[in-house]
Amino acid sequence: MKNRMHIPKKAGRLLFVLLLLFGSKVYAAPSIEGDTELTAVSGQVVSAEYTVRSDEDMESAELTLSYDKDVLTYMSGSGGNNFSGSGGNGTVQLSSKPGEQSTTFAVKFKCKSDQVTAVEITSCVITVKGEEVDVLKGEDNSGEGAGDGSEDEEDTGDRRASWVIDERTFYLHNPGAMADFDAERMNIQGIDSNVLKHKWLDLYVIRLYSDNGSYRDHFVYNPDTGNVIPFVEMKSGSDDVIFIEPDAKAHIPVRYVSVDLGWGAKYTLPAYKHVIIDGIDEIFDDTNRYLIYGINQDGEKAWYSYDYDKDSLQLFDDVAYQGEQNYIEELETNVAGQKAEAEHLLERYNTNMGRRLTIIMVMTILIVVLINVVVLMYLRMRRMRPVPEEEEEDGEEETIQTPGAYVTGNLEEDETDFNEPDFEQEEEEEEIELEIIDLDDMEDDE
């Protein structure tokens, strides 16, 4: 027994020495620290900082915050390499690619009132070695349809209904409990799933998680179309309104076109925006008002006008709006009639003026042709006029040559060589004596 006890003691001592020589490394889970409570002063700007830490370099970090939009208004954010941020309507989404073991995000809010308000860290997901880790839970969320405990215990096994929202897959989970809603089972995409049914309204709500677990929200489910929209409940006067997908038979007011209204950092709501007709073009008006379809606590479905800047909602008066549009259309019809009449008169004027110009041009051409004909006839008649007798006699006298003209030339034996005068001698005229001079005799005399 003594020898048996001696060996473990030596082994323990050896292990202790090795630990001292080489040391030991203890890994801690990723963490996040930051401001969760802010003191708001009306008209002032407050800041909050959040630091995310990990034992290994983070390839990316995504942080989602929620705040009271009645107290704070998101202004800007910063932090980390390749930073991007967006916010509004009570949600802020920040992301960066730090490439280090820690990164810090900073957010600025403008205060609307004087009070202490909370800022909640709803999600923080980092990527380490290609795997996504939920910092708040310390879990690896890289697998699709990852569960989160007893809340997701369903009889469907690994099969869950899913939707693609903003290029990310969302999976159906247990919706939990909500006021005025009862839990029910419903067949969704061929899968028996848990849903919430409103106690007195024909309204269904489900809960969806994104594939990495960073987004977890309730959605209104439409059994007729299979579509989902974010669950939003707002006050409109004394009514509690829940946004729903517009019915296929719902009357859409004239001069409104369909748009996707951004809601939070990730979602969109089906809405309509007013346009101004400019000829054949449709131009959006410069207001931030949208029409959203909703249902109140009495089950009445109607259009509501949502002011994005003021984050307020009021019932849309379709009757008054339609009367206004009818008046505008009547004015536009009158203006269109006047324009058509003016265009007809202008076309008629252009036609008449064209005819007149054609007549003037033809008459001008005829006048020019007649003038040319008269000039040519005058010139021809002038050439054909006979010459007076006196002018003919003067011409004949000028052509008669004086007598005594000489003919010069060389005479040789049996040859006669002389040049005749240029004029022709007529038989009726008198013969002119020609004196022939021998050039050889003239040379001898000399």
Protein backbone atom coordinates (compact mmCIF):
# COMPACT_ATOMS: atom_id res chain seq x y z
CA MET A 1 0.00 0.00 0.00
CA LYS A 2 2.83 2.34 0.73
CA ASN A 3 4.36 1.89 -2.71
CA ARG A 4 0.96 2.37 -4.37
CA MET A 5 0.46 5.70 -2.61
CA HIS A 6 3.93 6.89 -3.48
CA ILE A 7 3.36 6.83 -7.26
CA PRO A 8 0.29 9.13 -7.28
CA LYS A 9 2.11 11.64 -5.11
CA LYS A 10 4.97 11.75 -7.58
CA ALA A 11 2.56 12.10 -10.47
CA GLY A 12 0.78 14.97 -8.71
CA ARG A 13 4.02 16.73 -8.02
CA LEU A 14 5.10 16.28 -11.65
CA LEU A 15 1.80 17.70 -12.88
CA PHE A 16 2.15 20.67 -10.54
CA VAL A 17 5.64 21.38 -11.85
CA LEU A 18 4.45 21.19 -15.46
CA LEU A 19 1.66 23.65 -14.74
CA LEU A 20 4.12 26.06 -13.20
CA LEU A 21 6.49 25.75 -16.15
CA PHE A 22 4.01 26.00 -19.01
CA GLY A 23 1.16 27.80 -17.27
CA SER A 24 -2.55 27.31 -17.89
CA LYS A 25 -5.06 29.37 -19.91
CA VAL A 26 -8.64 29.76 -18.77
CA TYR A 27 -11.12 30.95 -21.42
CA ALA A 28 -13.95 33.29 -20.44
CA ALA A 29 -17.26 33.68 -22.29
CA PRO A 30 -17.77 36.78 -24.51
CA SER A 31 -19.31 39.72 -22.69
CA ILE A 32 -20.86 43.14 -23.28
CA GLU A 33 -20.95 46.16 -21.00
CA GLY A 34 -22.71 49.48 -21.50
CA ASP A 35 -25.23 52.08 -20.41
CA THR A 36 -28.69 50.69 -19.80
CA GLU A 37 -30.10 53.78 -18.08
CA LEU A 38 -29.90 57.38 -19.33
CA THR A 39 -30.95 60.66 -17.76
CA ALA A 40 -32.83 62.59 -20.44
CA VAL A 41 -33.00 66.40 -20.43
CA SER A 42 -35.40 67.96 -22.91
CA GLY A 43 -33.60 69.42 -25.93
CA GLN A 44 -30.20 67.99 -24.91
CA VAL A 45 -28.13 65.22 -26.51
CA VAL A 46 -27.11 62.20 -24.43
CA SER A 47 -24.58 59.52 -25.33
CA ALA A 48 -24.23 55.85 -24.48
CA GLU A 49 -21.29 53.47 -24.98
CA TYR A 50 -21.20 49.68 -25.26
CA THR A 51 -18.07 47.51 -25.23
CA VAL A 52 -18.04 43.94 -26.57
CA ARG A 53 -15.17 41.64 -25.52
CA SER A 54 -14.04 38.19 -26.60
CA ASP A 55 -10.99 36.00 -25.90
CA GLU A 56 -10.36 35.67 -29.63
CA ASP A 57 -10.40 38.12 -32.49
CA MET A 58 -13.92 38.95 -33.65
CA GLU A 59 -14.59 38.90 -37.37
CA SER A 60 -17.81 40.88 -36.93
CA ALA A 61 -20.03 42.25 -34.17
CA GLU A 62 -23.71 43.19 -34.33
CA LEU A 63 -25.52 45.07 -31.56
CA THR A 64 -29.24 45.81 -31.32
CA LEU A 65 -30.66 48.30 -28.81
CA SER A 66 -34.22 49.29 -27.96
CA TYR A 67 -35.26 52.59 -26.40
CA ASP A 68 -38.38 54.59 -25.55
CA LYS A 69 -39.16 56.55 -28.72
CA ASP A 70 -41.44 58.88 -26.74
CA VAL A 71 -38.42 60.06 -24.72
CA LEU A 72 -35.43 59.66 -27.08
CA THR A 73 -34.75 60.16 -30.78
CA TYR A 74 -31.84 58.32 -32.41
CA MET A 75 -29.30 60.70 -33.99
CA SER A 76 -26.09 58.83 -34.86
CA GLY A 77 -23.77 55.97 -33.99
CA SER A 78 -20.08 55.10 -34.33
CA GLY A 79 -17.48 52.47 -33.50
CA GLY A 80 -15.12 49.88 -34.95
CA ASN A 81 -13.84 49.17 -38.43
CA ASN A 82 -16.32 49.14 -41.33
CA PHE A 83 -18.98 50.57 -39.04
CA SER A 84 -22.61 50.78 -40.12
CA GLY A 85 -25.60 51.88 -38.11
CA SER A 86 -29.25 52.74 -38.45
CA GLY A 87 -32.08 53.48 -36.09
CA GLY A 88 -35.54 54.86 -35.54
CA ASN A 89 -38.91 53.96 -34.07
CA GLY A 90 -37.37 52.64 -30.86
CA THR A 91 -34.65 50.40 -32.36
CA VAL A 92 -30.95 50.88 -33.12
CA GLN A 93 -28.87 48.43 -35.18
CA LEU A 94 -25.05 48.75 -35.06
CA SER A 95 -22.40 46.55 -36.67
CA SER A 96 -18.66 46.53 -37.38
CA LYS A 97 -15.75 44.25 -38.29
CA PRO A 98 -13.24 44.91 -35.51
CA GLY A 99 -10.67 42.16 -36.17
CA GLU A 100 -9.71 42.46 -32.49
CA GLN A 101 -10.76 41.02 -29.16
CA SER A 102 -12.81 44.08 -28.20
CA THR A 103 -14.82 46.81 -29.87
CA THR A 104 -16.79 49.81 -28.60
CA PHE A 105 -19.99 51.28 -30.02
CA ALA A 106 -21.20 54.82 -29.24
CA VAL A 107 -24.77 56.07 -29.72
CA LYS A 108 -26.22 59.59 -29.49
CA PHE A 109 -29.85 60.39 -28.69
CA LYS A 110 -31.78 63.66 -28.58
CA CYS A 111 -34.07 63.99 -25.57
CA LYS A 112 -37.75 64.88 -25.88
CA SER A 113 -38.57 65.17 -22.17
CA ASP A 114 -36.96 65.29 -18.73
CA GLN A 115 -36.87 61.85 -17.15
CA VAL A 116 -34.76 58.76 -16.55
CA THR A 117 -35.21 56.24 -19.34
CA ALA A 118 -33.91 52.75 -20.04
CA VAL A 119 -31.95 51.52 -23.06
CA GLU A 120 -32.14 47.75 -23.44
CA ILE A 121 -29.56 45.54 -25.16
CA THR A 122 -31.89 43.22 -27.05
CA SER A 123 -29.26 41.38 -29.08
CA CYS A 124 -25.49 41.08 -29.43
CA VAL A 125 -24.02 38.57 -31.87
CA ILE A 126 -20.33 38.19 -32.75
CA THR A 127 -18.59 36.01 -35.34
CA VAL A 128 -15.47 34.12 -34.25
CA LYS A 129 -13.71 31.70 -36.61
CA GLY A 130 -16.72 31.69 -38.91
CA GLU A 131 -19.20 30.81 -36.15
CA GLU A 132 -21.84 33.16 -34.75
CA VAL A 133 -22.02 33.46 -30.97
CA ASP A 134 -24.87 35.04 -29.01
CA VAL A 135 -23.03 37.14 -26.42
CA LEU A 136 -26.09 37.58 -24.21
CA LYS A 137 -26.58 33.81 -23.90
CA GLY A 138 -23.05 32.58 -24.61
CA GLU A 139 -24.42 30.10 -27.18
CA ASP A 140 -23.36 29.17 -30.69
CA ASN A 141 -26.19 30.24 -33.01
CA SER A 142 -24.63 29.15 -36.29
CA GLY A 143 -27.06 26.22 -36.65
CA GLU A 144 -30.45 26.92 -38.20
CA GLY A 145 -33.50 26.65 -36.01
CA ALA A 146 -31.50 26.71 -32.78
CA GLY A 147 -33.73 26.43 -29.76
CA ASP A 148 -33.67 28.55 -26.64
CA GLY A 149 -34.91 26.28 -23.91
CA SER A 150 -38.39 25.44 -22.76
CA GLU A 151 -39.94 28.25 -24.80
CA ASP A 152 -39.27 26.30 -28.00
CA GLU A 153 -40.38 22.85 -26.90
CA GLU A 154 -42.76 21.81 -29.69
CA ASP A 155 -43.91 18.52 -31.14
CA THR A 156 -42.55 19.38 -34.59
CA GLY A 157 -39.01 18.20 -33.93
CA ASP A 158 -36.54 19.95 -36.22
CA ARG A 159 -39.22 21.04 -38.70
CA ARG A 160 -40.38 24.64 -38.35
CA ALA A 161 -42.30 26.99 -40.61
CA SER A 162 -39.98 29.64 -42.04
CA TRP A 163 -40.07 32.95 -43.92
CA VAL A 164 -37.37 34.96 -45.68
CA ILE A 165 -37.26 38.57 -44.46
CA ASP A 166 -34.63 40.96 -45.81
CA GLU A 167 -32.53 38.06 -47.18
CA ARG A 168 -32.47 36.31 -43.79
CA THR A 169 -34.44 33.22 -42.82
CA PHE A 170 -36.78 33.46 -39.83
CA TYR A 171 -38.11 30.34 -38.07
CA LEU A 172 -41.33 29.89 -36.13
CA HIS A 173 -41.00 29.49 -32.34
CA ASN A 174 -43.33 29.28 -29.37
CA PRO A 175 -45.05 32.70 -29.11
CA GLY A 176 -45.37 32.65 -25.32
CA ALA A 177 -48.24 34.66 -23.81
CA MET A 178 -49.77 38.04 -24.72
CA ALA A 179 -52.63 40.03 -23.23
CA ASP A 180 -55.99 39.51 -24.99
CA PHE A 181 -54.60 36.49 -26.90
CA ASP A 182 -55.15 32.76 -26.42
CA ALA A 183 -52.76 29.98 -27.46
CA GLU A 184 -53.92 27.74 -30.30
CA ARG A 185 -52.56 25.17 -32.71
CA MET A 186 -52.63 25.87 -36.45
CA ASN A 187 -51.35 24.15 -39.56
CA ILE A 188 -48.75 26.51 -41.09
CA GLN A 189 -46.85 25.37 -44.18
CA GLY A 190 -47.96 21.82 -43.47
CA ILE A 191 -46.60 21.91 -39.92
CA ASP A 192 -48.73 21.88 -36.76
CA SER A 193 -47.54 25.05 -34.98
CA ASN A 194 -48.29 27.20 -31.94
CA VAL A 195 -49.98 30.56 -32.59
CA LEU A 196 -51.81 33.23 -30.61
CA LYS A 197 -55.45 33.98 -31.50
CA HIS A 198 -57.04 37.26 -30.40
CA LYS A 199 -59.93 36.70 -28.03
CA TRP A 200 -62.54 38.65 -30.03
CA LEU A 201 -60.77 39.67 -33.26
CA ASP A 202 -59.95 37.55 -36.30
CA LEU A 203 -56.23 38.10 -35.74
CA TYR A 204 -53.32 35.67 -35.38
CA VAL A 205 -49.85 36.39 -33.98
CA ILE A 206 -46.72 34.22 -34.21
CA ARG A 207 -43.16 34.61 -32.96
CA LEU A 208 -40.18 34.35 -35.31
CA TYR A 209 -36.44 34.07 -34.66
CA SER A 210 -33.80 34.89 -37.26
CA ASP A 211 -31.41 32.10 -38.25
CA ASN A 212 -28.66 33.50 -35.99
CA GLY A 213 -31.01 34.36 -33.14
CA SER A 214 -30.26 38.10 -33.23
CA TYR A 215 -33.86 39.07 -34.13
CA ARG A 216 -36.78 37.73 -32.09
CA ASP A 217 -40.13 39.43 -32.60
CA HIS A 218 -43.86 38.87 -32.91
CA PHE A 219 -45.53 39.01 -36.31
CA VAL A 220 -49.12 39.20 -37.51
CA TYR A 221 -49.89 36.10 -39.57
CA ASN A 222 -52.45 36.12 -42.39
CA PRO A 223 -53.84 32.58 -42.89
CA ASP A 224 -55.38 33.52 -46.25
CA THR A 225 -52.12 34.60 -47.91
CA GLY A 226 -49.51 33.01 -45.63
CA ASN A 227 -47.72 36.37 -45.29
CA VAL A 228 -46.40 37.95 -42.10
CA ILE A 229 -45.83 41.58 -41.09
CA PRO A 230 -44.26 42.95 -37.88
CA PHE A 231 -46.67 43.16 -34.96
CA VAL A 232 -47.25 46.87 -34.30
CA GLU A 233 -49.90 48.31 -31.97
CA MET A 234 -50.41 52.08 -31.78
CA LYS A 235 -52.88 54.58 -30.39
CA SER A 236 -55.15 56.58 -32.71
CA GLY A 237 -57.23 58.86 -30.55
CA SER A 238 -59.07 56.52 -28.19
CA ASP A 239 -58.60 53.45 -30.43
CA ASP A 240 -55.98 50.73 -30.12
CA VAL A 241 -54.92 49.91 -33.67
CA ILE A 242 -52.96 46.85 -34.83
CA PHE A 243 -51.40 47.00 -38.29
CA ILE A 244 -52.49 44.21 -40.63
CA GLU A 245 -52.00 43.26 -44.26
CA PRO A 246 -54.51 45.08 -46.53
CA ASP A 247 -57.46 42.98 -47.63
CA ALA A 248 -57.69 42.07 -51.29
CA LYS A 249 -61.06 43.88 -51.49
CA ALA A 250 -59.92 46.96 -49.56
CA HIS A 251 -60.56 50.23 -51.40
CA ILE A 252 -57.27 51.97 -52.15
CA PRO A 253 -57.64 55.77 -52.29
CA VAL A 254 -56.85 57.37 -55.63
CA ARG A 255 -53.36 58.74 -56.22
CA TYR A 256 -51.74 56.43 -53.68
CA VAL A 257 -49.12 53.87 -54.72
CA SER A 258 -47.73 50.89 -52.84
CA VAL A 259 -44.40 51.29 -50.98
CA ASP A 260 -42.44 49.39 -48.33
CA LEU A 261 -42.23 51.45 -45.15
CA GLY A 262 -39.04 50.73 -43.20
CA TRP A 263 -39.79 49.75 -39.63
CA GLY A 264 -36.88 49.41 -37.24
CA ALA A 265 -33.52 48.11 -38.38
CA LYS A 266 -34.70 45.05 -40.28
CA TYR A 267 -38.39 45.01 -41.14
CA THR A 268 -40.80 46.72 -43.52
CA LEU A 269 -44.55 47.35 -43.45
CA PRO A 270 -46.88 47.39 -46.48
CA ALA A 271 -47.99 51.00 -46.92
CA TYR A 272 -49.17 53.51 -49.52
CA LYS A 273 -47.83 56.98 -50.29
CA HIS A 274 -49.53 59.91 -52.00
CA VAL A 275 -48.28 60.93 -55.45
CA ILE A 276 -48.69 64.05 -57.56
CA ILE A 277 -49.56 63.59 -61.23
CA ASP A 278 -47.22 65.61 -63.46
CA GLY A 279 -48.36 64.89 -66.99
CA ILE A 280 -47.84 61.14 -67.22
CA ASP A 281 -45.32 60.97 -64.35
CA GLU A 282 -46.14 60.12 -60.73
CA ILE A 283 -44.06 62.10 -58.21
CA PHE A 284 -44.11 61.40 -54.46
CA ASP A 285 -45.14 64.33 -52.33
CA ASP A 286 -42.56 65.82 -49.95
CA THR A 287 -44.31 64.71 -46.75
CA ASN A 288 -43.45 61.70 -44.61
CA ARG A 289 -47.05 60.52 -44.32
CA TYR A 290 -48.11 56.99 -45.23
CA LEU A 291 -51.37 55.05 -45.37
CA ILE A 292 -51.31 51.84 -43.31
CA TYR A 293 -54.15 49.34 -43.01
CA GLY A 294 -55.20 48.50 -39.46
CA ILE A 295 -57.88 47.02 -37.24
CA ASN A 296 -59.12 48.60 -33.99
CA GLN A 297 -60.39 46.97 -30.80
CA ASP A 298 -63.94 46.84 -32.25
CA GLY A 299 -62.84 44.84 -35.29
CA GLU A 300 -63.23 47.78 -37.69
CA LYS A 301 -60.71 47.73 -40.51
CA ALA A 302 -59.70 51.05 -42.07
CA TRP A 303 -56.85 53.10 -43.47
CA TYR A 304 -54.77 55.13 -41.04
CA SER A 305 -52.46 58.05 -41.79
CA TYR A 306 -49.08 57.51 -40.16
CA ASP A 307 -46.74 60.49 -39.69
CA TYR A 308 -43.24 59.03 -39.74
CA ASP A 309 -41.55 62.19 -38.42
CA LYS A 310 -43.91 62.64 -35.46
CA ASP A 311 -44.53 58.90 -35.00
CA SER A 312 -48.28 59.56 -34.74
CA LEU A 313 -51.34 57.82 -36.14
CA GLN A 314 -54.80 59.10 -37.05
CA LEU A 315 -57.81 57.72 -38.87
CA PHE A 316 -57.79 58.50 -42.58
CA ASP A 317 -60.98 60.32 -43.67
CA ASP A 318 -61.58 58.61 -46.99
CA VAL A 319 -64.91 60.42 -47.64
CA ALA A 320 -63.43 63.91 -47.26
CA TYR A 321 -60.36 62.92 -49.25
CA GLN A 322 -62.49 61.47 -52.06
CA GLY A 323 -64.61 64.65 -52.19
CA GLU A 324 -61.46 66.72 -52.44
CA GLN A 325 -60.13 64.49 -55.19
CA ASN A 326 -63.44 64.71 -57.09
CA TYR A 327 -63.20 68.51 -56.98
CA ILE A 328 -59.59 68.38 -58.16
CA GLU A 329 -60.49 65.96 -60.95
CA GLU A 330 -63.33 68.29 -62.05
CA LEU A 331 -60.90 71.21 -62.21
CA GLU A 332 -58.40 69.08 -64.09
CA THR A 333 -61.15 68.03 -66.53
CA ASN A 334 -62.04 71.68 -67.18
CA VAL A 335 -58.41 72.58 -67.65
CA ALA A 336 -57.94 69.60 -69.94
CA GLY A 337 -60.98 70.73 -72.00
CA GLN A 338 -59.59 74.25 -72.29
CA LYS A 339 -56.23 72.88 -73.33
CA ALA A 340 -57.87 70.66 -75.95
CA GLU A 341 -59.84 73.63 -77.33
CA ALA A 342 -56.72 75.79 -77.42
CA GLU A 343 -54.82 73.03 -79.22
CA HIS A 344 -57.68 72.73 -81.75
CA LEU A 345 -57.64 76.50 -82.42
CA LEU A 346 -53.87 76.46 -82.75
CA GLU A 347 -54.04 73.56 -85.19
CA ARG A 348 -56.73 75.34 -87.19
CA TYR A 349 -54.66 78.54 -87.28
CA ASN A 350 -51.60 76.62 -88.43
CA THR A 351 -53.65 74.94 -91.18
CA ASN A 352 -55.09 78.22 -92.46
CA MET A 353 -51.74 79.95 -92.29
CA GLY A 354 -50.17 77.09 -94.21
CA ARG A 355 -52.74 77.42 -96.96
CA ARG A 356 -52.18 81.17 -97.20
CA LEU A 357 -48.43 80.75 -97.38
CA THR A 358 -48.88 78.15 -100.14
CA ILE A 359 -51.06 80.52 -102.18
CA ILE A 360 -48.58 83.39 -101.73
CA MET A 361 -45.70 81.17 -102.80
CA VAL A 362 -47.54 79.96 -105.94
CA MET A 363 -48.50 83.52 -106.92
CA THR A 364 -44.91 84.67 -106.44
CA ILE A 365 -43.64 81.90 -108.71
CA LEU A 366 -46.23 82.75 -111.39
CA ILE A 367 -45.28 86.44 -111.31
CA VAL A 368 -41.58 85.62 -111.70
CA VAL A 369 -42.33 83.29 -114.63
CA LEU A 370 -44.48 85.93 -116.38
CA ILE A 371 -41.79 88.58 -115.97
CA ASN A 372 -39.21 86.24 -117.51
CA VAL A 373 -41.53 85.48 -120.46
CA VAL A 374 -42.13 89.20 -121.14
CA VAL A 375 -38.40 89.95 -121.07
CA LEU A 376 -37.60 87.10 -123.45
CA MET A 377 -40.33 88.15 -125.89
CA TYR A 378 -39.11 91.74 -125.86
CA LEU A 379 -35.55 90.70 -126.66
CA ARG A 380 -36.71 88.42 -129.46
CA MET A 381 -38.90 91.10 -131.06
CA ARG A 382 -36.04 93.56 -130.95
CA ARG A 383 -33.79 91.19 -132.87
CA MET A 384 -36.45 90.61 -135.54
CA ARG A 385 -36.91 94.39 -136.33
CA PRO A 386 -35.72 95.30 -140.06
CA VAL A 387 -32.57 97.51 -140.62
CA PRO A 388 -33.21 100.95 -142.29
CA GLU A 389 -32.04 101.43 -145.99
CA GLU A 390 -29.70 104.28 -145.16
CA GLU A 391 -27.77 102.08 -142.78
CA GLU A 392 -27.48 99.37 -145.51
CA GLU A 393 -26.07 101.87 -148.09
CA ASP A 394 -23.53 103.16 -145.60
CA GLY A 395 -22.40 99.64 -145.05
CA GLU A 396 -21.94 98.95 -148.77
CA GLU A 397 -19.88 102.09 -149.31
CA GLU A 398 -17.54 101.11 -146.57
CA THR A 399 -16.88 97.74 -148.22
CA ILE A 400 -15.85 99.21 -151.70
CA GLN A 401 -12.06 99.23 -152.15
CA THR A 402 -10.25 102.08 -153.85
CA PRO A 403 -8.69 101.37 -157.30
CA GLY A 404 -4.99 101.00 -157.83
CA ALA A 405 -4.39 98.19 -155.43
CA TYR A 406 -1.21 96.31 -155.94
CA VAL A 407 -0.68 92.60 -156.27
CA THR A 408 2.72 91.50 -155.15
CA GLY A 409 4.51 88.26 -155.86
CA ASN A 410 7.42 86.55 -157.70
CA LEU A 411 7.01 85.84 -161.38
CA GLU A 412 9.01 83.17 -163.12
CA GLU A 413 8.84 81.66 -166.52
CA ASP A 414 5.55 80.19 -167.47
CA GLU A 415 4.24 80.92 -163.99
CA THR A 416 2.01 83.50 -162.49
CA ASP A 417 2.10 84.08 -158.78
CA PHE A 418 0.08 86.82 -157.27
CA ASN A 419 -2.23 87.45 -154.44
CA GLU A 420 -5.76 88.43 -155.16
CA PRO A 421 -7.38 91.18 -153.19
CA ASP A 422 -9.39 90.24 -150.21
CA PHE A 423 -12.61 91.56 -151.62
CA GLU A 424 -14.65 89.85 -154.31
CA GLN A 425 -15.13 91.51 -157.62
CA GLU A 426 -18.58 91.33 -159.02
CA GLU A 427 -19.27 91.11 -162.74
CA GLU A 428 -21.36 94.25 -162.70
CA GLU A 429 -18.46 96.39 -161.37
CA GLU A 430 -15.82 97.88 -163.58
CA GLU A 431 -12.63 95.98 -164.11
CA ILE A 432 -9.72 97.35 -162.20
CA GLU A 433 -6.42 97.51 -164.05
CA LEU A 434 -3.65 95.75 -162.26
CA GLU A 435 -0.08 96.85 -162.71
CA ILE A 436 2.33 93.97 -162.49
CA ILE A 437 5.72 94.88 -161.21
CA ASP A 438 8.67 92.63 -161.88
CA LEU A 439 10.81 92.57 -158.81
CA ASP A 440 13.87 91.38 -160.78
CA ASP A 441 13.77 94.47 -163.00
CA MET A 442 13.54 96.65 -159.95
CA GLU A 443 16.67 95.09 -158.58
CA ASP A 444 18.56 95.66 -161.89
CA ASP A 445 17.54 99.30 -161.95
CA GLU A 446 18.96 99.75 -158.56
